């Protein structure tokens, strides 16, 4: 898991992981609202890209906690959800299923990345695809209870190009992070 190889933020090991989780959550808050303009019926943002990428870096528990903190920030009024929205009503509105599914997907993808499994490109792509599938499935089921299930699959198709793009970008980011960690680990051992 990459979080174990990241340079420590503090000399106190007890606070190192919590600080990394808070920083990851802040990064999610900054990047998640950025929209990808593809003209879909639902806004396509960088939420899943950053959440699933960080989950593979942080691991299951830390990734899910960082994502949950992001949801708390949005519920508390910070404009971090799609289209700069915020508030508890967004969490329990038509798109709330997508938001709640982020925590589940982050945990699953983070779990898949633990150990050496998250180092090969095809495993990374499969983990990202799994996370995206979890988010779309839960999100559209939730949405269906608000708008009905007729034509629900037609709402998914316009999102698929963006999903493929996000999976590709996330795979490249994680491969890059893995390569960077190898370099840092080698340098750390040569300094000791």
N, C-alpha and C. Protein backbone atom coordinates (compact mmCIF):
# COMPACT_ATOMS: atom_id res chain seq x y z
N UNK A 1 0.85 -1.17 0.00
CA UNK A 1 0.00 0.00 0.00
C UNK A 1 0.90 1.24 0.00
N UNK A 2 0.61 2.15 -0.89
CA UNK A 2 1.48 3.31 -1.07
C UNK A 2 1.54 4.23 0.14
N UNK A 3 0.49 4.33 0.91
CA UNK A 3 0.49 5.25 2.06
C UNK A 3 1.61 4.90 3.04
N UNK A 4 1.93 3.61 3.14
CA UNK A 4 2.98 3.19 4.07
C UNK A 4 4.37 3.64 3.61
N UNK A 5 4.50 3.97 2.34
CA UNK A 5 5.80 4.39 1.80
C UNK A 5 5.90 5.89 1.58
N UNK A 6 4.78 6.61 1.79
CA UNK A 6 4.84 8.06 1.65
C UNK A 6 5.72 8.64 2.75
N UNK A 7 6.46 9.69 2.46
CA UNK A 7 7.28 10.29 3.51
C UNK A 7 6.39 10.77 4.66
N UNK A 8 6.84 10.61 5.90
CA UNK A 8 6.02 11.04 7.03
C UNK A 8 5.81 12.56 7.03
N UNK A 9 4.63 12.97 7.45
CA UNK A 9 4.31 14.38 7.56
C UNK A 9 4.79 14.92 8.90
N UNK A 10 4.73 14.07 9.89
CA UNK A 10 5.12 14.46 11.24
C UNK A 10 6.02 13.39 11.84
N UNK A 11 6.78 13.74 12.85
CA UNK A 11 7.65 12.76 13.50
C UNK A 11 6.87 11.84 14.43
N UNK A 12 5.67 12.23 14.79
CA UNK A 12 4.82 11.41 15.65
C UNK A 12 4.04 10.43 14.78
N UNK A 13 4.41 9.16 14.83
CA UNK A 13 3.79 8.14 13.98
C UNK A 13 2.29 8.01 14.21
N UNK A 14 1.84 8.33 15.43
CA UNK A 14 0.41 8.24 15.75
C UNK A 14 -0.40 9.19 14.88
N UNK A 15 0.12 10.38 14.60
CA UNK A 15 -0.62 11.39 13.86
C UNK A 15 -0.36 11.35 12.36
N UNK A 16 0.58 10.53 11.91
CA UNK A 16 0.95 10.55 10.50
C UNK A 16 -0.21 10.13 9.59
N UNK A 17 -0.81 8.97 9.82
CA UNK A 17 -1.92 8.52 8.98
C UNK A 17 -3.12 9.46 9.06
N UNK A 18 -3.54 9.89 10.27
CA UNK A 18 -4.67 10.84 10.32
C UNK A 18 -4.41 12.12 9.54
N UNK A 19 -3.19 12.64 9.59
CA UNK A 19 -2.88 13.84 8.82
C UNK A 19 -2.94 13.58 7.32
N UNK A 20 -2.46 12.42 6.90
CA UNK A 20 -2.52 12.06 5.48
C UNK A 20 -3.98 11.90 5.04
N UNK A 21 -4.84 11.37 5.90
CA UNK A 21 -6.25 11.22 5.57
C UNK A 21 -6.90 12.59 5.41
N UNK A 22 -6.61 13.51 6.32
CA UNK A 22 -7.18 14.86 6.25
C UNK A 22 -6.68 15.56 4.98
N UNK A 23 -5.41 15.44 4.66
CA UNK A 23 -4.88 16.05 3.44
C UNK A 23 -5.52 15.45 2.19
N UNK A 24 -5.73 14.13 2.20
CA UNK A 24 -6.39 13.47 1.07
C UNK A 24 -7.83 13.98 0.93
N UNK A 25 -8.51 14.14 2.06
CA UNK A 25 -9.88 14.66 2.02
C UNK A 25 -9.92 16.09 1.47
N UNK A 26 -8.95 16.90 1.86
CA UNK A 26 -8.87 18.26 1.32
C UNK A 26 -8.63 18.24 -0.19
N UNK A 27 -7.79 17.32 -0.63
CA UNK A 27 -7.52 17.18 -2.06
C UNK A 27 -8.79 16.77 -2.80
N UNK A 28 -9.57 15.87 -2.21
CA UNK A 28 -10.85 15.48 -2.81
C UNK A 28 -11.76 16.70 -2.91
N UNK A 29 -11.84 17.48 -1.83
CA UNK A 29 -12.69 18.68 -1.83
C UNK A 29 -12.29 19.67 -2.91
N UNK A 30 -11.01 19.79 -3.19
CA UNK A 30 -10.54 20.73 -4.21
C UNK A 30 -10.77 20.23 -5.63
N UNK A 31 -10.55 18.94 -5.86
CA UNK A 31 -10.60 18.40 -7.23
C UNK A 31 -11.98 17.87 -7.62
N UNK A 32 -12.73 17.34 -6.68
CA UNK A 32 -14.01 16.69 -6.98
C UNK A 32 -15.00 17.56 -7.75
N UNK A 33 -15.16 18.85 -7.43
CA UNK A 33 -16.17 19.63 -8.15
C UNK A 33 -15.83 19.97 -9.60
N UNK A 34 -14.60 19.74 -10.03
CA UNK A 34 -14.20 20.06 -11.40
C UNK A 34 -15.02 19.19 -12.35
N UNK A 35 -15.68 19.84 -13.31
CA UNK A 35 -16.56 19.12 -14.24
C UNK A 35 -15.87 18.80 -15.55
N UNK A 36 -16.27 17.66 -16.11
CA UNK A 36 -15.82 17.23 -17.43
C UNK A 36 -16.98 17.48 -18.38
N UNK A 37 -16.85 18.43 -19.31
CA UNK A 37 -17.99 18.79 -20.17
C UNK A 37 -18.22 17.78 -21.29
N UNK A 38 -19.18 16.88 -21.09
CA UNK A 38 -19.51 15.92 -22.15
C UNK A 38 -20.98 16.00 -22.53
N UNK A 39 -21.75 16.90 -21.89
CA UNK A 39 -23.15 17.07 -22.24
C UNK A 39 -24.06 15.96 -21.76
N UNK A 40 -23.72 15.29 -20.69
CA UNK A 40 -24.57 14.22 -20.16
C UNK A 40 -25.69 14.81 -19.32
N UNK A 41 -26.72 13.98 -19.06
CA UNK A 41 -27.86 14.45 -18.27
C UNK A 41 -27.49 14.72 -16.82
N UNK A 42 -26.50 14.02 -16.32
CA UNK A 42 -25.98 14.25 -14.98
C UNK A 42 -24.61 14.91 -15.11
N UNK A 43 -24.23 15.77 -14.17
CA UNK A 43 -22.89 16.38 -14.26
C UNK A 43 -21.80 15.33 -14.10
N UNK A 44 -20.80 15.40 -14.95
CA UNK A 44 -19.67 14.48 -14.89
C UNK A 44 -18.52 15.25 -14.27
N UNK A 45 -18.13 14.84 -13.07
CA UNK A 45 -17.09 15.55 -12.33
C UNK A 45 -15.86 14.67 -12.15
N UNK A 46 -14.87 15.22 -11.49
CA UNK A 46 -13.65 14.48 -11.16
C UNK A 46 -13.78 13.75 -9.82
N UNK A 47 -14.98 13.69 -9.26
CA UNK A 47 -15.18 13.05 -7.96
C UNK A 47 -14.65 11.62 -7.95
N UNK A 48 -15.16 10.80 -8.86
CA UNK A 48 -14.77 9.39 -8.83
C UNK A 48 -13.30 9.21 -9.19
N UNK A 49 -12.79 10.05 -10.07
CA UNK A 49 -11.37 9.96 -10.43
C UNK A 49 -10.48 10.15 -9.21
N UNK A 50 -10.69 11.22 -8.46
CA UNK A 50 -9.82 11.51 -7.32
C UNK A 50 -10.08 10.54 -6.17
N UNK A 51 -11.33 10.21 -5.92
CA UNK A 51 -11.65 9.32 -4.80
C UNK A 51 -11.07 7.93 -5.02
N UNK A 52 -11.27 7.36 -6.19
CA UNK A 52 -10.79 5.99 -6.44
C UNK A 52 -9.27 5.95 -6.57
N UNK A 53 -8.67 7.01 -7.10
CA UNK A 53 -7.21 7.06 -7.18
C UNK A 53 -6.61 7.12 -5.79
N UNK A 54 -7.13 8.02 -4.95
CA UNK A 54 -6.60 8.12 -3.58
C UNK A 54 -6.87 6.86 -2.77
N UNK A 55 -7.98 6.20 -3.03
CA UNK A 55 -8.28 4.95 -2.32
C UNK A 55 -7.22 3.90 -2.60
N UNK A 56 -6.72 3.87 -3.84
CA UNK A 56 -5.68 2.90 -4.17
C UNK A 56 -4.35 3.27 -3.52
N UNK A 57 -4.15 4.55 -3.26
CA UNK A 57 -2.92 5.00 -2.60
C UNK A 57 -3.02 4.83 -1.08
N UNK A 58 -4.18 5.15 -0.53
CA UNK A 58 -4.36 5.13 0.92
C UNK A 58 -4.73 3.77 1.48
N UNK A 59 -5.35 2.93 0.68
CA UNK A 59 -5.85 1.65 1.17
C UNK A 59 -7.31 1.77 1.57
N UNK A 60 -7.90 0.65 1.94
CA UNK A 60 -9.34 0.57 2.18
C UNK A 60 -9.83 1.50 3.27
N UNK A 61 -9.31 1.35 4.47
CA UNK A 61 -9.84 2.12 5.60
C UNK A 61 -9.54 3.61 5.47
N UNK A 62 -8.30 3.95 5.18
CA UNK A 62 -7.93 5.37 5.07
C UNK A 62 -8.65 6.03 3.89
N UNK A 63 -8.79 5.31 2.77
CA UNK A 63 -9.50 5.85 1.62
C UNK A 63 -10.97 6.10 1.91
N UNK A 64 -11.61 5.15 2.60
CA UNK A 64 -13.02 5.32 2.95
C UNK A 64 -13.22 6.46 3.95
N UNK A 65 -12.31 6.59 4.90
CA UNK A 65 -12.42 7.68 5.89
C UNK A 65 -12.22 9.04 5.22
N UNK A 66 -11.23 9.15 4.34
CA UNK A 66 -11.00 10.41 3.62
C UNK A 66 -12.23 10.78 2.80
N UNK A 67 -12.87 9.79 2.17
CA UNK A 67 -14.06 10.03 1.38
C UNK A 67 -15.23 10.44 2.27
N UNK A 68 -15.38 9.79 3.41
CA UNK A 68 -16.45 10.15 4.35
C UNK A 68 -16.26 11.58 4.85
N UNK A 69 -15.02 11.98 5.09
CA UNK A 69 -14.76 13.37 5.51
C UNK A 69 -15.16 14.36 4.41
N UNK A 70 -14.95 13.98 3.16
CA UNK A 70 -15.39 14.80 2.04
C UNK A 70 -16.91 14.98 2.07
N UNK A 71 -17.65 13.90 2.32
CA UNK A 71 -19.11 13.98 2.39
C UNK A 71 -19.54 14.86 3.56
N UNK A 72 -18.85 14.75 4.68
CA UNK A 72 -19.16 15.59 5.85
C UNK A 72 -18.93 17.07 5.50
N UNK A 73 -17.83 17.35 4.81
CA UNK A 73 -17.54 18.74 4.41
C UNK A 73 -18.65 19.29 3.52
N UNK A 74 -19.10 18.48 2.57
CA UNK A 74 -20.18 18.91 1.68
C UNK A 74 -21.49 19.08 2.42
N UNK A 75 -21.79 18.17 3.32
CA UNK A 75 -23.02 18.27 4.11
C UNK A 75 -22.99 19.49 5.03
N UNK A 76 -21.80 19.85 5.48
CA UNK A 76 -21.65 21.00 6.38
C UNK A 76 -21.75 22.34 5.66
N UNK A 77 -21.77 22.32 4.33
CA UNK A 77 -21.97 23.56 3.60
C UNK A 77 -20.84 23.99 2.68
N UNK A 78 -19.73 23.25 2.67
CA UNK A 78 -18.65 23.60 1.74
C UNK A 78 -19.09 23.21 0.32
N UNK A 79 -18.85 24.05 -0.68
CA UNK A 79 -19.32 23.78 -2.05
C UNK A 79 -18.42 22.77 -2.78
N UNK A 80 -18.45 21.52 -2.34
CA UNK A 80 -17.52 20.52 -2.87
C UNK A 80 -18.20 19.45 -3.72
N UNK A 81 -19.53 19.47 -3.78
CA UNK A 81 -20.23 18.48 -4.60
C UNK A 81 -20.32 19.01 -6.04
N UNK A 82 -20.91 18.22 -6.93
CA UNK A 82 -21.05 18.61 -8.33
C UNK A 82 -21.72 19.98 -8.43
N UNK A 83 -21.26 20.77 -9.36
CA UNK A 83 -21.76 22.12 -9.62
C UNK A 83 -21.64 23.03 -8.41
N UNK A 84 -20.68 22.75 -7.52
CA UNK A 84 -20.44 23.59 -6.35
C UNK A 84 -21.55 23.55 -5.32
N UNK A 85 -22.35 22.51 -5.35
CA UNK A 85 -23.46 22.41 -4.41
C UNK A 85 -22.98 21.85 -3.08
N UNK A 86 -23.83 22.02 -2.07
CA UNK A 86 -23.52 21.50 -0.75
C UNK A 86 -24.81 21.35 0.04
N UNK A 87 -24.70 20.75 1.21
CA UNK A 87 -25.84 20.63 2.10
C UNK A 87 -26.31 19.20 2.27
N UNK A 88 -26.96 18.97 3.39
CA UNK A 88 -27.48 17.64 3.72
C UNK A 88 -28.54 17.21 2.70
N UNK A 89 -29.30 18.17 2.18
CA UNK A 89 -30.36 17.83 1.22
C UNK A 89 -29.78 17.22 -0.05
N UNK A 90 -28.56 17.55 -0.40
CA UNK A 90 -27.92 16.95 -1.58
C UNK A 90 -27.61 15.48 -1.30
N UNK A 91 -27.16 15.20 -0.07
CA UNK A 91 -26.86 13.80 0.30
C UNK A 91 -28.09 12.91 0.23
N UNK A 92 -29.25 13.48 0.54
CA UNK A 92 -30.46 12.66 0.57
C UNK A 92 -31.39 12.94 -0.60
N UNK A 93 -30.88 13.67 -1.58
CA UNK A 93 -31.65 13.96 -2.78
C UNK A 93 -31.43 12.92 -3.85
N UNK A 94 -31.85 13.20 -5.09
CA UNK A 94 -31.76 12.23 -6.19
C UNK A 94 -30.35 11.70 -6.47
N UNK A 95 -29.33 12.53 -6.29
CA UNK A 95 -27.96 12.06 -6.59
C UNK A 95 -27.22 11.58 -5.34
N UNK A 96 -27.90 11.51 -4.23
CA UNK A 96 -27.27 11.07 -2.98
C UNK A 96 -26.70 9.67 -3.04
N UNK A 97 -27.30 8.80 -3.83
CA UNK A 97 -26.80 7.43 -3.96
C UNK A 97 -25.39 7.40 -4.52
N UNK A 98 -25.11 8.30 -5.46
CA UNK A 98 -23.75 8.38 -6.00
C UNK A 98 -22.79 8.79 -4.89
N UNK A 99 -23.18 9.79 -4.10
CA UNK A 99 -22.30 10.30 -3.04
C UNK A 99 -22.04 9.23 -1.98
N UNK A 100 -23.07 8.58 -1.49
CA UNK A 100 -22.87 7.55 -0.46
C UNK A 100 -22.07 6.36 -1.01
N UNK A 101 -22.26 6.07 -2.29
CA UNK A 101 -21.53 4.93 -2.87
C UNK A 101 -20.04 5.20 -2.96
N UNK A 102 -19.63 6.48 -2.92
CA UNK A 102 -18.21 6.79 -2.96
C UNK A 102 -17.45 6.12 -1.82
N UNK A 103 -18.03 6.10 -0.64
CA UNK A 103 -17.36 5.51 0.53
C UNK A 103 -17.19 4.00 0.33
N UNK A 104 -18.25 3.35 -0.14
CA UNK A 104 -18.20 1.90 -0.39
C UNK A 104 -17.17 1.58 -1.46
N UNK A 105 -17.23 2.31 -2.57
CA UNK A 105 -16.30 2.08 -3.68
C UNK A 105 -14.86 2.35 -3.26
N UNK A 106 -14.64 3.40 -2.46
CA UNK A 106 -13.28 3.70 -1.99
C UNK A 106 -12.75 2.55 -1.15
N UNK A 107 -13.60 1.99 -0.29
CA UNK A 107 -13.14 0.88 0.55
C UNK A 107 -12.81 -0.34 -0.31
N UNK A 108 -13.69 -0.67 -1.25
CA UNK A 108 -13.48 -1.86 -2.10
C UNK A 108 -12.22 -1.69 -2.94
N UNK A 109 -12.08 -0.55 -3.60
CA UNK A 109 -10.91 -0.31 -4.46
C UNK A 109 -9.64 -0.27 -3.62
N UNK A 110 -9.71 0.37 -2.45
CA UNK A 110 -8.55 0.39 -1.55
C UNK A 110 -8.15 -0.99 -1.10
N UNK A 111 -9.13 -1.83 -0.84
CA UNK A 111 -8.85 -3.22 -0.44
C UNK A 111 -8.20 -3.98 -1.58
N UNK A 112 -8.70 -3.75 -2.79
CA UNK A 112 -8.13 -4.43 -3.96
C UNK A 112 -6.68 -4.02 -4.19
N UNK A 113 -6.32 -2.80 -3.81
CA UNK A 113 -4.97 -2.29 -4.06
C UNK A 113 -3.96 -2.70 -2.99
N UNK A 114 -4.44 -3.23 -1.87
CA UNK A 114 -3.51 -3.58 -0.79
C UNK A 114 -2.61 -4.74 -1.21
N UNK A 115 -1.43 -4.76 -0.67
CA UNK A 115 -0.44 -5.76 -1.06
C UNK A 115 0.16 -5.41 -2.41
N UNK A 116 0.53 -6.40 -3.16
CA UNK A 116 1.17 -6.15 -4.46
C UNK A 116 0.15 -6.14 -5.59
N UNK A 117 -1.10 -6.40 -5.30
CA UNK A 117 -2.11 -6.51 -6.33
C UNK A 117 -2.28 -5.22 -7.12
N UNK A 118 -2.10 -4.07 -6.49
CA UNK A 118 -2.32 -2.79 -7.15
C UNK A 118 -1.13 -2.24 -7.91
N UNK A 119 -0.22 -3.10 -8.33
CA UNK A 119 0.98 -2.61 -9.03
C UNK A 119 0.96 -2.87 -10.53
N UNK A 120 0.16 -3.79 -10.99
CA UNK A 120 0.08 -4.11 -12.42
C UNK A 120 -1.04 -3.29 -13.05
N UNK A 121 -0.82 -2.81 -14.27
CA UNK A 121 -1.77 -1.92 -14.91
C UNK A 121 -3.14 -2.55 -15.07
N UNK A 122 -3.21 -3.83 -15.41
CA UNK A 122 -4.50 -4.47 -15.61
C UNK A 122 -5.25 -4.67 -14.30
N UNK A 123 -4.54 -4.87 -13.20
CA UNK A 123 -5.20 -4.95 -11.89
C UNK A 123 -5.73 -3.58 -11.48
N UNK A 124 -4.95 -2.54 -11.74
CA UNK A 124 -5.38 -1.18 -11.42
C UNK A 124 -6.63 -0.84 -12.22
N UNK A 125 -6.62 -1.15 -13.52
CA UNK A 125 -7.79 -0.87 -14.35
C UNK A 125 -9.01 -1.65 -13.87
N UNK A 126 -8.81 -2.90 -13.49
CA UNK A 126 -9.93 -3.70 -13.00
C UNK A 126 -10.48 -3.13 -11.70
N UNK A 127 -9.60 -2.70 -10.80
CA UNK A 127 -10.05 -2.11 -9.53
C UNK A 127 -10.82 -0.82 -9.81
N UNK A 128 -10.31 0.01 -10.71
CA UNK A 128 -11.00 1.25 -11.06
C UNK A 128 -12.36 0.97 -11.69
N UNK A 129 -12.41 0.00 -12.58
CA UNK A 129 -13.68 -0.39 -13.21
C UNK A 129 -14.67 -0.89 -12.17
N UNK A 130 -14.18 -1.66 -11.22
CA UNK A 130 -15.04 -2.16 -10.14
C UNK A 130 -15.61 -1.00 -9.33
N UNK A 131 -14.76 -0.06 -8.97
CA UNK A 131 -15.22 1.11 -8.21
C UNK A 131 -16.25 1.92 -8.98
N UNK A 132 -15.99 2.15 -10.25
CA UNK A 132 -16.94 2.90 -11.09
C UNK A 132 -18.27 2.15 -11.19
N UNK A 133 -18.21 0.83 -11.33
CA UNK A 133 -19.43 0.02 -11.43
C UNK A 133 -20.25 0.10 -10.15
N UNK A 134 -19.58 0.05 -9.01
CA UNK A 134 -20.28 0.18 -7.72
C UNK A 134 -20.99 1.52 -7.64
N UNK A 135 -20.29 2.59 -8.01
CA UNK A 135 -20.86 3.94 -7.92
C UNK A 135 -22.04 4.08 -8.87
N UNK A 136 -21.89 3.64 -10.10
CA UNK A 136 -22.99 3.77 -11.06
C UNK A 136 -24.19 2.92 -10.66
N UNK A 137 -23.94 1.70 -10.18
CA UNK A 137 -25.05 0.82 -9.80
C UNK A 137 -25.84 1.40 -8.63
N UNK A 138 -25.17 1.73 -7.56
CA UNK A 138 -25.86 2.28 -6.39
C UNK A 138 -26.48 3.63 -6.73
N UNK A 139 -25.74 4.46 -7.43
CA UNK A 139 -26.23 5.79 -7.78
C UNK A 139 -27.49 5.75 -8.62
N UNK A 140 -27.53 4.90 -9.64
CA UNK A 140 -28.69 4.85 -10.51
C UNK A 140 -29.88 4.13 -9.87
N UNK A 141 -29.62 3.17 -8.99
CA UNK A 141 -30.73 2.56 -8.25
C UNK A 141 -31.38 3.61 -7.36
N UNK A 142 -30.55 4.37 -6.63
CA UNK A 142 -31.06 5.45 -5.77
C UNK A 142 -31.84 6.47 -6.60
N UNK A 143 -31.24 6.90 -7.72
CA UNK A 143 -31.87 7.88 -8.59
C UNK A 143 -33.22 7.36 -9.11
N UNK A 144 -33.27 6.07 -9.40
CA UNK A 144 -34.51 5.47 -9.90
C UNK A 144 -35.67 5.61 -8.94
N UNK A 145 -35.41 5.59 -7.65
CA UNK A 145 -36.48 5.77 -6.67
C UNK A 145 -37.04 7.19 -6.70
N UNK A 146 -36.26 8.14 -7.21
CA UNK A 146 -36.71 9.53 -7.28
C UNK A 146 -37.38 9.86 -8.61
N UNK A 147 -36.82 9.35 -9.71
CA UNK A 147 -37.33 9.74 -11.03
C UNK A 147 -37.98 8.58 -11.78
N UNK A 148 -38.00 7.42 -11.19
CA UNK A 148 -38.55 6.24 -11.86
C UNK A 148 -37.45 5.48 -12.59
N UNK A 149 -37.74 4.23 -12.85
CA UNK A 149 -36.73 3.36 -13.47
C UNK A 149 -36.86 3.28 -14.99
N UNK A 150 -37.91 3.87 -15.54
CA UNK A 150 -38.04 3.86 -17.00
C UNK A 150 -36.93 4.70 -17.62
N UNK A 151 -36.23 4.13 -18.56
CA UNK A 151 -35.17 4.84 -19.26
C UNK A 151 -33.91 5.07 -18.44
N UNK A 152 -33.76 4.34 -17.33
CA UNK A 152 -32.60 4.56 -16.46
C UNK A 152 -31.30 4.17 -17.17
N UNK A 153 -31.36 3.13 -18.00
CA UNK A 153 -30.14 2.70 -18.70
C UNK A 153 -29.71 3.72 -19.75
N UNK A 154 -30.67 4.45 -20.32
CA UNK A 154 -30.32 5.48 -21.29
C UNK A 154 -29.55 6.62 -20.63
N UNK A 155 -29.70 6.78 -19.33
CA UNK A 155 -28.97 7.82 -18.60
C UNK A 155 -27.51 7.42 -18.36
N UNK A 156 -27.24 6.12 -18.38
CA UNK A 156 -25.89 5.62 -18.12
C UNK A 156 -25.00 5.79 -19.36
N UNK A 157 -25.53 5.51 -20.54
CA UNK A 157 -24.72 5.50 -21.76
C UNK A 157 -23.91 6.78 -21.99
N UNK A 158 -24.50 7.97 -21.80
CA UNK A 158 -23.69 9.18 -22.03
C UNK A 158 -22.51 9.34 -21.06
N UNK A 159 -22.56 8.63 -19.93
CA UNK A 159 -21.49 8.74 -18.94
C UNK A 159 -20.31 7.82 -19.24
N UNK A 160 -20.52 6.81 -20.06
CA UNK A 160 -19.48 5.79 -20.27
C UNK A 160 -18.18 6.32 -20.87
N UNK A 161 -18.20 7.26 -21.83
CA UNK A 161 -16.91 7.79 -22.30
C UNK A 161 -16.10 8.45 -21.18
N UNK A 162 -16.78 9.19 -20.31
CA UNK A 162 -16.08 9.84 -19.19
C UNK A 162 -15.56 8.81 -18.20
N UNK A 163 -16.32 7.73 -17.99
CA UNK A 163 -15.87 6.66 -17.09
C UNK A 163 -14.60 6.02 -17.64
N UNK A 164 -14.59 5.73 -18.93
CA UNK A 164 -13.39 5.14 -19.55
C UNK A 164 -12.20 6.08 -19.42
N UNK A 165 -12.43 7.37 -19.65
CA UNK A 165 -11.36 8.36 -19.53
C UNK A 165 -10.82 8.40 -18.10
N UNK A 166 -11.70 8.39 -17.12
CA UNK A 166 -11.29 8.43 -15.72
C UNK A 166 -10.49 7.19 -15.34
N UNK A 167 -10.91 6.03 -15.82
CA UNK A 167 -10.18 4.79 -15.54
C UNK A 167 -8.78 4.87 -16.12
N UNK A 168 -8.66 5.36 -17.34
CA UNK A 168 -7.35 5.50 -17.97
C UNK A 168 -6.45 6.47 -17.23
N UNK A 169 -6.99 7.63 -16.87
CA UNK A 169 -6.19 8.63 -16.14
C UNK A 169 -5.77 8.09 -14.78
N UNK A 170 -6.70 7.46 -14.07
CA UNK A 170 -6.39 6.92 -12.74
C UNK A 170 -5.30 5.86 -12.84
N UNK A 171 -5.38 5.02 -13.85
CA UNK A 171 -4.37 3.97 -14.03
C UNK A 171 -3.00 4.59 -14.24
N UNK A 172 -2.92 5.61 -15.08
CA UNK A 172 -1.64 6.29 -15.32
C UNK A 172 -1.13 6.97 -14.05
N UNK A 173 -2.02 7.61 -13.30
CA UNK A 173 -1.62 8.27 -12.06
C UNK A 173 -1.06 7.27 -11.04
N UNK A 174 -1.72 6.14 -10.92
CA UNK A 174 -1.29 5.15 -9.93
C UNK A 174 0.01 4.47 -10.38
N UNK A 175 0.13 4.20 -11.67
CA UNK A 175 1.40 3.66 -12.17
C UNK A 175 2.53 4.65 -11.92
N UNK A 176 2.26 5.93 -12.14
CA UNK A 176 3.25 6.96 -11.86
C UNK A 176 3.60 7.04 -10.38
N UNK A 177 2.57 6.94 -9.53
CA UNK A 177 2.81 6.96 -8.08
C UNK A 177 3.63 5.75 -7.65
N UNK A 178 3.34 4.58 -8.24
CA UNK A 178 4.12 3.38 -7.93
C UNK A 178 5.58 3.56 -8.32
N UNK A 179 5.82 4.12 -9.50
CA UNK A 179 7.19 4.33 -9.97
C UNK A 179 7.91 5.34 -9.07
N UNK A 180 7.22 6.40 -8.69
CA UNK A 180 7.81 7.39 -7.80
C UNK A 180 8.15 6.79 -6.45
N UNK A 181 7.28 5.95 -5.93
CA UNK A 181 7.55 5.30 -4.63
C UNK A 181 8.79 4.41 -4.71
N UNK A 182 8.95 3.70 -5.83
CA UNK A 182 10.14 2.86 -5.98
C UNK A 182 11.41 3.70 -5.91
N UNK A 183 11.38 4.84 -6.58
CA UNK A 183 12.54 5.74 -6.57
C UNK A 183 12.78 6.26 -5.16
N UNK A 184 11.73 6.71 -4.48
CA UNK A 184 11.87 7.24 -3.12
C UNK A 184 12.38 6.18 -2.15
N UNK A 185 11.89 4.96 -2.29
CA UNK A 185 12.33 3.87 -1.41
C UNK A 185 13.80 3.58 -1.64
N UNK A 186 14.23 3.54 -2.92
CA UNK A 186 15.63 3.30 -3.22
C UNK A 186 16.51 4.40 -2.65
N UNK A 187 16.09 5.64 -2.81
CA UNK A 187 16.87 6.76 -2.27
C UNK A 187 16.90 6.74 -0.74
N UNK A 188 15.78 6.39 -0.13
CA UNK A 188 15.74 6.35 1.33
C UNK A 188 16.72 5.31 1.84
N UNK A 189 16.79 4.15 1.19
CA UNK A 189 17.71 3.10 1.62
C UNK A 189 19.16 3.49 1.37
N UNK A 190 19.41 4.25 0.31
CA UNK A 190 20.80 4.67 0.04
C UNK A 190 21.24 5.75 1.01
N UNK A 191 20.30 6.49 1.61
CA UNK A 191 20.65 7.53 2.57
C UNK A 191 20.90 6.96 3.96
N UNK A 192 20.33 5.80 4.22
CA UNK A 192 20.45 5.22 5.58
C UNK A 192 21.79 4.56 5.80
